[in-house]
Amino acid sequence: MSWQSGAVLLFVFQASTLLPAQSWDPLGRAADTVSADTGGKLKISFEFRGRYEIRTGAAFGRDSEVDTGLVRTRLGLTYKPTSWLKLSGMLQDSRSPWYGENAPSTVRDPTDLHEAYVELFPDAKTGFGMTAGRKMLNYGDRRLIGSPQWNNLSRTFDHARVYYRLPKVRFELLLISPVKIRLDGLNRPVLGERIWGTYNTFPNLPRKSLLDVYALRHDQNREGGFSGGARAAGTDRLAVNTFGFRLTGPLVLGLKHTMEVAAQNGKVGAAEHRALAWFAGVSRLWTAAGRPLNIGAEYTFASGTRNPDDARRSGTFDQLSPANHDKFGHEDLFGWRNLRNTRLIATCNWTKLFAVTLLYNNAWLVSSRDSLYSAAGRSIARSPNGSAGRHVGQEADLFATYRFQRFTLGAGYGYFFAGGFVVRTTPGANPHYVYLFHTYSF
């Protein structure tokens, strides 16, 4: 059976379960029973997600087309024996059964420990608290630290966090290291790569605004280094400080705004590092034909290195460890480095359960001599003398989701129109993205 046939059968099966879902849900009802019988102390979570996708024009024509299915299963337990203690764990199994024998570690990871952490005083509104262990973490809009759920694996971190809560502020100290996927054994943290510092939140500002203020240090000092440099030469180390803030809240005339500014200094190998990134967005809820229509616009900027051949200076923004799905297009082609991007988004809630989203992005390089970077922060292409221009291209996406009780169904299509830079530095193909997914979770 081809994966396309399998996708259709699974889709039909999933859809057929929606109508009798109130009576047909033995797993969900069993989990509710366990929670009720233990007074809410023990809770079970479960997720099964399948996504079937076709990607053409991969890497703008450099890579072969992808025609595959992705399956992710999660089983989690949370136990709260007292009001001041929470224990939580999760197993995750991620597979790509139609990818082939050599599916990369970016799409598959057989059953492994995805979360295992302890939390003290989880429900307290004020006072001391902490978490430690392995956990998916998200801060702010997840542009710097996040666990990308669209990814079949979803990044997780080994971490320790200590925080103190007051009615109008939360102060936090954190130390996190991303967990490396290993197909030949248990996953483990990359302790040579770590982010540490402070992330503080002021949630009760005037006009119901929220302010995040942070100072973070990103260190890399591991074998091979961030650029494959030699340890003995001292060129494999990263020591970048990020100072920034994020502000969100209402404006006038029903508008809502979000903005974030992050400035960096430090060292990238032997080079002095100075970089800047920021974004600003506004949105407003309208009514069209009696249905809610949310329209938003956003401008994003991240600096690049003016002269990458100068080993003394680095200006390419370090995006840390983000979850940037949808930030620069639904195809997830680019990262927050040497890029300026305009984003328009419109979401129509046709019903309470069914939503349709139209997304448009237009991207340009900041430095014409620096690279265009992937979502993972790696160089895709570069014009050493800057003659390829700055226009990266435009992307249009249309996708829809339907939610019913514990089920979610969705489908989407994306098309990228290559700009001058992509045409001149790559084979110039226009990537397409078609997908269908279904999720059952509780």
Protein backbone atom coordinates (compact mmCIF):
# COMPACT_ATOMS: atom_id res chain seq x y z
CA MET A 1 0.00 0.00 0.00
CA SER A 2 1.34 3.44 -0.89
CA TRP A 3 1.44 6.10 1.81
CA GLN A 4 -1.16 8.10 -0.13
CA SER A 5 -3.63 5.20 0.14
CA GLY A 6 -2.80 4.77 3.80
CA ALA A 7 -3.34 8.46 4.40
CA VAL A 8 -6.79 8.35 2.82
CA LEU A 9 -7.81 5.29 4.88
CA LEU A 10 -6.60 6.85 8.12
CA PHE A 11 -8.33 10.12 7.29
CA VAL A 12 -11.63 8.35 6.62
CA PHE A 13 -11.27 6.35 9.83
CA GLN A 14 -10.48 9.45 11.86
CA ALA A 15 -13.40 11.37 10.38
CA SER A 16 -15.77 8.45 10.95
CA THR A 17 -15.01 8.51 14.67
CA LEU A 18 -16.09 12.11 15.06
CA LEU A 19 -19.84 11.52 14.89
CA PRO A 20 -20.08 8.96 17.69
CA ALA A 21 -17.19 10.54 19.63
CA GLN A 22 -19.29 11.15 22.74
CA SER A 23 -19.80 7.42 23.27
CA TRP A 24 -16.73 6.14 21.44
CA ASP A 25 -13.74 7.32 23.43
CA PRO A 26 -12.59 4.51 25.75
CA LEU A 27 -9.09 5.94 26.22
CA GLY A 28 -10.29 9.42 27.10
CA ARG A 29 -13.01 8.13 29.43
CA ALA A 30 -10.48 5.84 31.18
CA ALA A 31 -8.14 8.78 31.75
CA ASP A 32 -11.00 10.85 33.18
CA THR A 33 -11.88 7.97 35.52
CA VAL A 34 -8.31 7.68 36.80
CA SER A 35 -8.20 11.41 37.50
CA ALA A 36 -11.56 11.37 39.27
CA ASP A 37 -10.74 8.28 41.37
CA THR A 38 -7.47 9.83 42.59
CA GLY A 39 -8.97 13.21 43.38
CA GLY A 40 -7.06 14.79 40.50
CA LYS A 41 -3.69 13.69 41.88
CA LEU A 42 -2.88 11.35 38.97
CA LYS A 43 -3.50 12.46 35.40
CA ILE A 44 -2.82 10.65 32.14
CA SER A 45 -2.16 12.43 28.85
CA PHE A 46 -2.02 10.91 25.38
CA GLU A 47 -1.48 12.12 21.84
CA PHE A 48 -1.53 10.35 18.50
CA ARG A 49 -0.77 12.50 15.47
CA GLY A 50 -0.34 11.55 11.85
CA ARG A 51 0.78 13.95 9.14
CA TYR A 52 1.13 13.10 5.45
CA GLU A 53 3.05 15.59 3.37
CA ILE A 54 4.59 16.25 -0.02
CA ARG A 55 7.47 18.69 -0.37
CA THR A 56 8.77 19.53 -3.83
CA GLY A 57 11.62 21.85 -4.67
CA ALA A 58 13.34 20.97 -1.38
CA ALA A 59 16.35 23.21 -0.66
CA PHE A 60 15.29 25.15 -3.78
CA GLY A 61 16.05 22.16 -6.01
CA ARG A 62 19.23 20.86 -4.36
CA ASP A 63 17.56 18.03 -2.43
CA SER A 64 15.24 15.27 -3.58
CA GLU A 65 11.49 15.65 -3.15
CA VAL A 66 9.93 14.43 0.08
CA ASP A 67 6.78 12.33 -0.11
CA THR A 68 6.15 10.76 3.28
CA GLY A 69 4.09 10.28 6.41
CA LEU A 70 5.01 11.29 9.94
CA VAL A 71 3.55 9.60 13.02
CA ARG A 72 4.00 10.78 16.62
CA THR A 73 2.67 9.11 19.77
CA ARG A 74 2.96 10.46 23.31
CA LEU A 75 2.01 9.00 26.68
CA GLY A 76 2.39 11.12 29.80
CA LEU A 77 1.75 10.82 33.54
CA THR A 78 1.50 13.64 36.07
CA TYR A 79 1.31 12.95 39.81
CA LYS A 80 0.64 15.57 42.49
CA PRO A 81 0.75 13.84 45.89
CA THR A 82 0.57 17.21 47.68
CA SER A 83 -0.16 20.80 46.75
CA TRP A 84 3.55 21.66 46.77
CA LEU A 85 4.94 18.79 44.67
CA LYS A 86 4.37 17.76 41.05
CA LEU A 87 6.06 14.86 39.26
CA SER A 88 5.65 14.54 35.49
CA GLY A 89 6.98 12.27 32.75
CA MET A 90 6.31 11.55 29.09
CA LEU A 91 7.35 8.94 26.55
CA GLN A 92 7.42 9.90 22.88
CA ASP A 93 7.65 7.69 19.82
CA SER A 94 8.23 9.46 16.48
CA ARG A 95 8.40 7.59 13.20
CA SER A 96 8.41 8.19 9.46
CA PRO A 97 7.38 4.78 8.10
CA TRP A 98 7.27 5.81 4.42
CA TYR A 99 10.44 7.86 4.38
CA GLY A 100 12.70 4.90 3.69
CA GLU A 101 15.43 2.98 5.47
CA ASN A 102 17.66 6.03 5.95
CA ALA A 103 15.17 8.45 7.45
CA PRO A 104 17.17 11.16 9.27
CA SER A 105 17.05 11.83 13.01
CA THR A 106 15.13 15.03 12.26
CA VAL A 107 11.94 13.02 11.56
CA ARG A 108 12.23 9.83 13.63
CA ASP A 109 13.13 8.76 17.14
CA PRO A 110 11.90 5.41 18.49
CA THR A 111 10.38 5.39 21.96
CA ASP A 112 12.41 7.54 24.31
CA LEU A 113 12.07 9.68 27.41
CA HIS A 114 10.72 13.05 26.27
CA GLU A 115 9.91 14.60 29.64
CA ALA A 116 10.78 13.78 33.26
CA TYR A 117 10.76 16.65 35.70
CA VAL A 118 9.86 17.69 39.23
CA GLU A 119 8.13 20.96 40.15
CA LEU A 120 7.83 22.54 43.58
CA PHE A 121 4.84 24.71 44.52
CA PRO A 122 3.24 24.45 41.06
CA ASP A 123 -0.08 26.05 42.02
CA ALA A 124 1.16 28.89 44.22
CA LYS A 125 0.39 32.37 42.94
CA THR A 126 3.14 33.95 45.04
CA GLY A 127 6.40 32.82 46.56
CA PHE A 128 9.17 30.42 45.61
CA GLY A 129 8.96 27.72 42.91
CA MET A 130 11.25 25.60 40.79
CA THR A 131 11.37 22.93 38.09
CA ALA A 132 14.21 20.58 37.21
CA GLY A 133 14.65 17.70 34.78
CA ARG A 134 13.68 17.19 31.15
CA LYS A 135 10.87 19.34 29.80
CA MET A 136 9.50 21.13 26.74
CA LEU A 137 9.98 24.86 27.38
CA ASN A 138 8.52 27.96 25.74
CA TYR A 139 9.26 31.59 26.49
CA GLY A 140 7.38 34.57 25.07
CA ASP A 141 6.57 34.09 21.40
CA ARG A 142 9.12 31.23 21.29
CA ARG A 143 11.36 33.19 18.93
CA LEU A 144 14.43 32.54 21.11
CA ILE A 145 13.54 29.55 23.30
CA GLY A 146 10.82 27.10 22.36
CA SER A 147 9.74 23.55 21.61
CA PRO A 148 8.43 23.41 18.01
CA GLN A 149 5.32 21.21 18.12
CA TRP A 150 4.90 21.08 14.33
CA ASN A 151 8.19 19.19 14.16
CA ASN A 152 7.73 15.43 14.39
CA LEU A 153 10.17 15.28 17.32
CA SER A 154 9.67 18.57 19.19
CA ARG A 155 12.75 19.87 20.99
CA THR A 156 13.07 19.23 24.70
CA PHE A 157 15.55 20.56 27.26
CA ASP A 158 17.34 19.26 30.34
CA HIS A 159 17.02 22.17 32.69
CA ALA A 160 16.83 23.76 36.12
CA ARG A 161 14.71 26.85 36.84
CA VAL A 162 14.18 28.78 40.06
CA TYR A 163 11.56 31.51 40.24
CA TYR A 164 9.89 33.83 42.73
CA ARG A 165 6.36 35.11 42.16
CA LEU A 166 4.79 38.33 43.36
CA PRO A 167 1.34 39.66 42.40
CA LYS A 168 2.80 41.86 39.65
CA VAL A 169 6.09 40.20 38.70
CA ARG A 170 7.79 36.83 38.31
CA PHE A 171 11.60 36.64 38.60
CA GLU A 172 13.30 33.57 37.14
CA LEU A 173 16.80 32.12 36.85
CA LEU A 174 17.28 29.34 34.30
CA LEU A 175 19.88 26.93 32.93
CA ILE A 176 18.90 24.77 29.94
CA SER A 177 20.62 22.44 27.47
CA PRO A 178 18.90 21.00 24.37
CA VAL A 179 18.51 17.22 24.26
CA LYS A 180 20.22 15.53 21.31
CA ILE A 181 18.34 12.83 19.40
CA ARG A 182 20.31 9.57 19.24
CA LEU A 183 19.08 6.71 17.05
CA ASP A 184 21.62 4.30 18.56
CA GLY A 185 20.74 4.86 22.21
CA LEU A 186 18.90 6.99 24.74
CA ASN A 187 18.64 10.70 24.04
CA ARG A 188 20.89 12.89 26.15
CA PRO A 189 21.57 16.61 26.65
CA VAL A 190 24.26 18.49 24.79
CA LEU A 191 25.92 19.88 27.92
CA GLY A 192 28.50 21.70 25.82
CA GLU A 193 25.64 23.85 24.58
CA ARG A 194 23.65 25.76 27.17
CA ILE A 195 21.54 28.86 27.68
CA TRP A 196 21.50 30.42 31.10
CA GLY A 197 20.46 33.69 32.67
CA THR A 198 17.26 35.38 33.80
CA TYR A 199 13.81 35.76 32.24
CA ASN A 200 11.41 37.99 34.17
CA THR A 201 7.73 38.68 33.51
CA PHE A 202 5.54 41.64 34.51
CA PRO A 203 1.98 40.45 33.68
CA ASN A 204 -0.16 43.19 35.22
CA LEU A 205 0.94 46.43 33.62
CA PRO A 206 -1.57 49.23 32.86
CA ARG A 207 -4.06 48.54 30.04
CA LYS A 208 -3.62 44.79 30.62
CA SER A 209 -0.20 44.80 29.00
CA LEU A 210 2.54 42.23 29.65
CA LEU A 211 6.30 42.84 29.68
CA ASP A 212 9.09 40.27 29.55
CA VAL A 213 12.67 41.35 30.32
CA TYR A 214 15.56 38.94 29.88
CA ALA A 215 19.34 38.58 29.92
CA LEU A 216 20.55 35.28 28.47
CA ARG A 217 23.96 33.74 27.80
CA HIS A 218 24.39 31.20 25.00
CA ASP A 219 27.54 29.06 25.33
CA GLN A 220 28.80 26.42 22.92
CA ASN A 221 32.02 24.57 23.66
CA ARG A 222 31.75 21.07 22.31
CA GLU A 223 33.63 18.75 20.02
CA GLY A 224 33.45 19.94 16.43
CA GLY A 225 32.12 23.33 17.52
CA PHE A 226 29.30 25.32 15.99
CA SER A 227 31.16 25.66 12.71
CA GLY A 228 33.34 22.54 12.70
CA GLY A 229 36.38 24.51 13.86
CA ALA A 230 39.28 22.99 15.70
CA ARG A 231 39.18 23.19 19.50
CA ALA A 232 42.92 23.78 19.69
CA ALA A 233 42.61 26.82 17.47
CA GLY A 234 39.98 28.33 19.76
CA THR A 235 37.54 28.87 16.90
CA ASP A 236 34.85 26.43 17.99
CA ARG A 237 33.45 28.42 20.89
CA LEU A 238 30.34 30.52 21.10
CA ALA A 239 29.79 32.98 23.95
CA VAL A 240 26.89 35.29 23.11
CA ASN A 241 24.95 37.52 25.52
CA THR A 242 21.38 38.47 24.62
CA PHE A 243 19.62 41.38 26.33
CA GLY A 244 16.04 42.07 25.40
CA PHE A 245 12.41 42.68 26.17
CA ARG A 246 9.01 41.74 24.83
CA LEU A 247 5.89 43.89 25.24
CA THR A 248 2.34 42.92 24.31
CA GLY A 249 -1.09 44.33 24.99
CA PRO A 250 -4.01 46.38 23.62
CA LEU A 251 -3.76 49.66 21.72
CA VAL A 252 -6.59 51.90 20.53
CA LEU A 253 -9.52 51.12 18.21
CA GLY A 254 -9.46 47.43 19.10
CA LEU A 255 -5.85 46.91 17.99
CA LYS A 256 -3.46 44.60 19.80
CA HIS A 257 0.31 44.86 19.53
CA THR A 258 3.38 42.75 20.20
CA MET A 259 7.00 43.83 19.92
CA GLU A 260 10.35 42.37 20.92
CA VAL A 261 13.90 43.76 20.77
CA ALA A 262 17.04 41.68 21.41
CA ALA A 263 20.62 43.04 21.32
CA GLN A 264 23.70 40.80 21.47
CA ASN A 265 27.40 41.01 22.23
CA GLY A 266 30.13 38.50 22.98
CA LYS A 267 32.29 36.17 20.91
CA VAL A 268 31.70 33.89 17.93
CA GLY A 269 34.93 31.94 17.65
CA ALA A 270 37.68 34.55 17.59
CA ALA A 271 35.36 37.28 16.27
CA GLU A 272 33.78 40.06 18.29
CA HIS A 273 30.02 39.68 18.11
CA ARG A 274 27.52 42.55 17.86
CA ALA A 275 24.00 41.83 16.58
CA LEU A 276 20.42 43.06 16.80
CA ALA A 277 16.99 41.62 16.11
CA TRP A 278 13.48 42.94 16.57
CA PHE A 279 9.92 42.50 15.44
CA ALA A 280 6.69 44.46 15.76
CA GLY A 281 3.18 43.35 14.95
CA VAL A 282 -0.40 44.53 15.22
CA SER A 283 -3.70 42.69 14.85
CA ARG A 284 -7.41 43.38 15.10
CA LEU A 285 -10.52 41.28 15.31
CA TRP A 286 -13.14 42.19 12.70
CA THR A 287 -16.45 40.71 11.62
CA ALA A 288 -17.03 39.54 8.04
CA ALA A 289 -20.39 38.08 7.00
CA GLY A 290 -21.18 37.65 10.68
CA ARG A 291 -18.04 35.61 11.33
CA PRO A 292 -14.91 36.55 13.34
CA LEU A 293 -11.97 37.58 11.13
CA ASN A 294 -8.61 38.29 12.76
CA ILE A 295 -6.17 40.25 10.56
CA GLY A 296 -2.57 40.93 11.53
CA ALA A 297 0.64 42.39 10.11
CA GLU A 298 4.21 42.01 11.30
CA TYR A 299 7.70 43.20 10.41
CA THR A 300 10.74 41.16 11.53
CA PHE A 301 14.43 42.07 11.41
CA ALA A 302 17.62 40.17 12.30
CA SER A 303 21.08 41.53 11.53
CA GLY A 304 23.71 39.88 9.36
CA THR A 305 27.49 40.20 9.05
CA ARG A 306 28.49 42.95 6.65
CA ASN A 307 31.72 41.23 5.62
CA PRO A 308 31.78 37.50 6.50
CA ASP A 309 35.38 37.28 5.24
CA ASP A 310 36.50 39.50 8.14
CA ALA A 311 37.35 37.01 10.92
CA ARG A 312 37.47 39.79 13.52
CA ARG A 313 33.77 40.75 13.48
CA SER A 314 30.47 38.91 13.58
CA GLY A 315 27.08 40.56 13.16
CA THR A 316 24.78 37.62 12.36
CA PHE A 317 22.07 37.35 14.99
CA ASP A 318 22.18 34.16 17.09
CA GLN A 319 18.59 32.88 17.26
CA LEU A 320 19.39 30.65 20.28
CA SER A 321 16.98 27.67 20.35
CA PRO A 322 13.66 28.83 18.85
CA ALA A 323 10.34 27.40 17.76
CA ASN A 324 9.85 29.48 14.62
CA HIS A 325 7.08 27.53 12.87
CA ASP A 326 4.97 29.92 10.77
CA LYS A 327 7.07 32.96 11.70
CA PHE A 328 8.54 33.22 8.16
CA GLY A 329 6.05 31.06 6.28
CA HIS A 330 4.30 27.76 6.81
CA GLU A 331 7.00 25.87 4.90
CA ASP A 332 9.56 26.75 7.63
CA LEU A 333 12.30 27.59 5.14
CA PHE A 334 14.15 30.32 7.06
CA GLY A 335 15.47 31.30 10.47
CA TRP A 336 15.77 34.58 12.37
CA ARG A 337 19.22 35.47 11.01
CA ASN A 338 20.27 38.07 8.41
CA LEU A 339 16.65 38.50 7.38
CA ARG A 340 13.94 41.11 7.22
CA ASN A 341 10.47 39.83 6.60
CA THR A 342 6.98 41.26 6.19
CA ARG A 343 4.17 38.99 7.29
CA LEU A 344 0.41 39.29 6.75
CA ILE A 345 -2.05 36.84 8.28
CA ALA A 346 -5.82 36.52 8.21
CA THR A 347 -7.79 33.88 10.12
CA CYS A 348 -11.51 33.38 9.66
CA ASN A 349 -13.36 31.28 12.25
CA TRP A 350 -16.08 30.00 9.95
CA THR A 351 -17.57 28.22 12.94
CA LYS A 352 -16.35 27.69 16.51
CA LEU A 353 -14.75 24.46 15.33
CA PHE A 354 -13.58 25.30 11.81
CA ALA A 355 -10.94 27.93 10.98
CA VAL A 356 -9.24 28.96 7.73
CA THR A 357 -5.96 30.91 7.63
CA LEU A 358 -4.29 32.78 4.79
CA LEU A 359 -0.62 33.68 5.30
CA TYR A 360 1.73 35.81 3.18
CA ASN A 361 5.47 36.47 3.71
CA ASN A 362 7.99 38.55 1.77
CA ALA A 363 11.65 38.13 2.79
CA TRP A 364 14.87 40.05 2.06
CA LEU A 365 18.47 39.69 3.22
CA VAL A 366 19.87 42.37 5.51
CA SER A 367 23.48 41.87 4.39
CA SER A 368 23.85 40.90 0.73
CA ARG A 369 27.22 39.24 1.45
CA ASP A 370 26.07 37.13 4.39
CA SER A 371 24.19 33.84 4.03
CA LEU A 372 20.54 33.03 3.80
CA TYR A 373 19.89 30.80 6.83
CA SER A 374 17.56 27.84 7.32
CA ALA A 375 15.07 27.44 10.16
CA ALA A 376 17.79 25.54 12.04
CA GLY A 377 20.18 28.48 11.60
CA ARG A 378 22.44 26.84 9.01
CA SER A 379 23.64 28.52 5.83
CA ILE A 380 21.54 27.73 2.74
CA ALA A 381 23.37 29.88 0.20
CA ARG A 382 25.69 32.89 0.03
CA SER A 383 26.82 35.44 -2.53
CA PRO A 384 30.41 36.30 -1.45
CA ASN A 385 30.51 39.61 -3.34
CA GLY A 386 26.85 40.47 -2.79
CA SER A 387 26.02 40.50 -6.51
CA ALA A 388 23.04 38.13 -6.15
CA GLY A 389 20.92 40.85 -4.58
CA ARG A 390 18.85 40.80 -1.40
CA HIS A 391 15.35 39.62 -2.35
CA VAL A 392 14.84 36.09 -1.02
CA GLY A 393 11.27 35.56 -2.19
CA GLN A 394 7.60 35.43 -1.26
CA GLU A 395 5.45 32.67 0.19
CA ALA A 396 1.69 32.22 0.17
CA ASP A 397 -0.01 29.64 2.43
CA LEU A 398 -3.56 28.48 2.94
CA PHE A 399 -4.50 26.02 5.66
CA ALA A 400 -7.56 24.96 7.65
CA THR A 401 -8.26 23.13 10.90
CA TYR A 402 -11.35 21.44 12.29
CA ARG A 403 -11.63 20.60 16.00
CA PHE A 404 -14.20 18.35 17.60
CA GLN A 405 -13.83 17.29 21.23
CA ARG A 406 -10.46 15.48 21.39
CA PHE A 407 -9.92 15.33 17.62
CA THR A 408 -8.28 17.80 15.26
CA LEU A 409 -8.13 17.51 11.47
CA GLY A 410 -6.21 19.84 9.19
CA ALA A 411 -4.87 20.37 5.69
CA GLY A 412 -2.80 23.03 3.96
CA TYR A 413 -0.87 24.16 0.92
CA GLY A 414 2.11 26.48 0.58
CA TYR A 415 3.98 27.86 -2.43
CA PHE A 416 7.24 29.80 -2.40
CA PHE A 417 8.06 32.24 -5.21
CA ALA A 418 11.86 32.43 -5.46
CA GLY A 419 13.37 35.90 -5.45
CA GLY A 420 16.51 37.08 -7.21
CA PHE A 421 18.92 35.93 -4.51
CA VAL A 422 17.55 32.38 -4.49
CA VAL A 423 17.45 32.20 -8.29
CA ARG A 424 21.11 33.28 -8.57
CA THR A 425 22.63 31.20 -5.75
CA THR A 426 20.63 27.93 -5.90
CA PRO A 427 18.96 25.84 -8.63
CA GLY A 428 16.07 28.27 -8.14
CA ALA A 429 13.19 25.84 -7.68
CA ASN A 430 9.98 27.11 -6.07
CA PRO A 431 9.18 24.85 -3.08
CA HIS A 432 5.65 23.49 -2.72
CA TYR A 433 4.19 22.05 0.50
CA VAL A 434 1.00 19.97 0.69
CA TYR A 435 -0.08 18.21 3.88
CA LEU A 436 -2.93 16.51 5.70
CA PHE A 437 -2.91 15.75 9.42
CA HIS A 438 -5.10 14.32 12.17
CA THR A 439 -4.62 14.38 15.94
CA TYR A 440 -6.32 12.65 18.83
CA SER A 441 -5.25 13.86 22.28
CA PHE A 442 -6.34 14.23 25.87
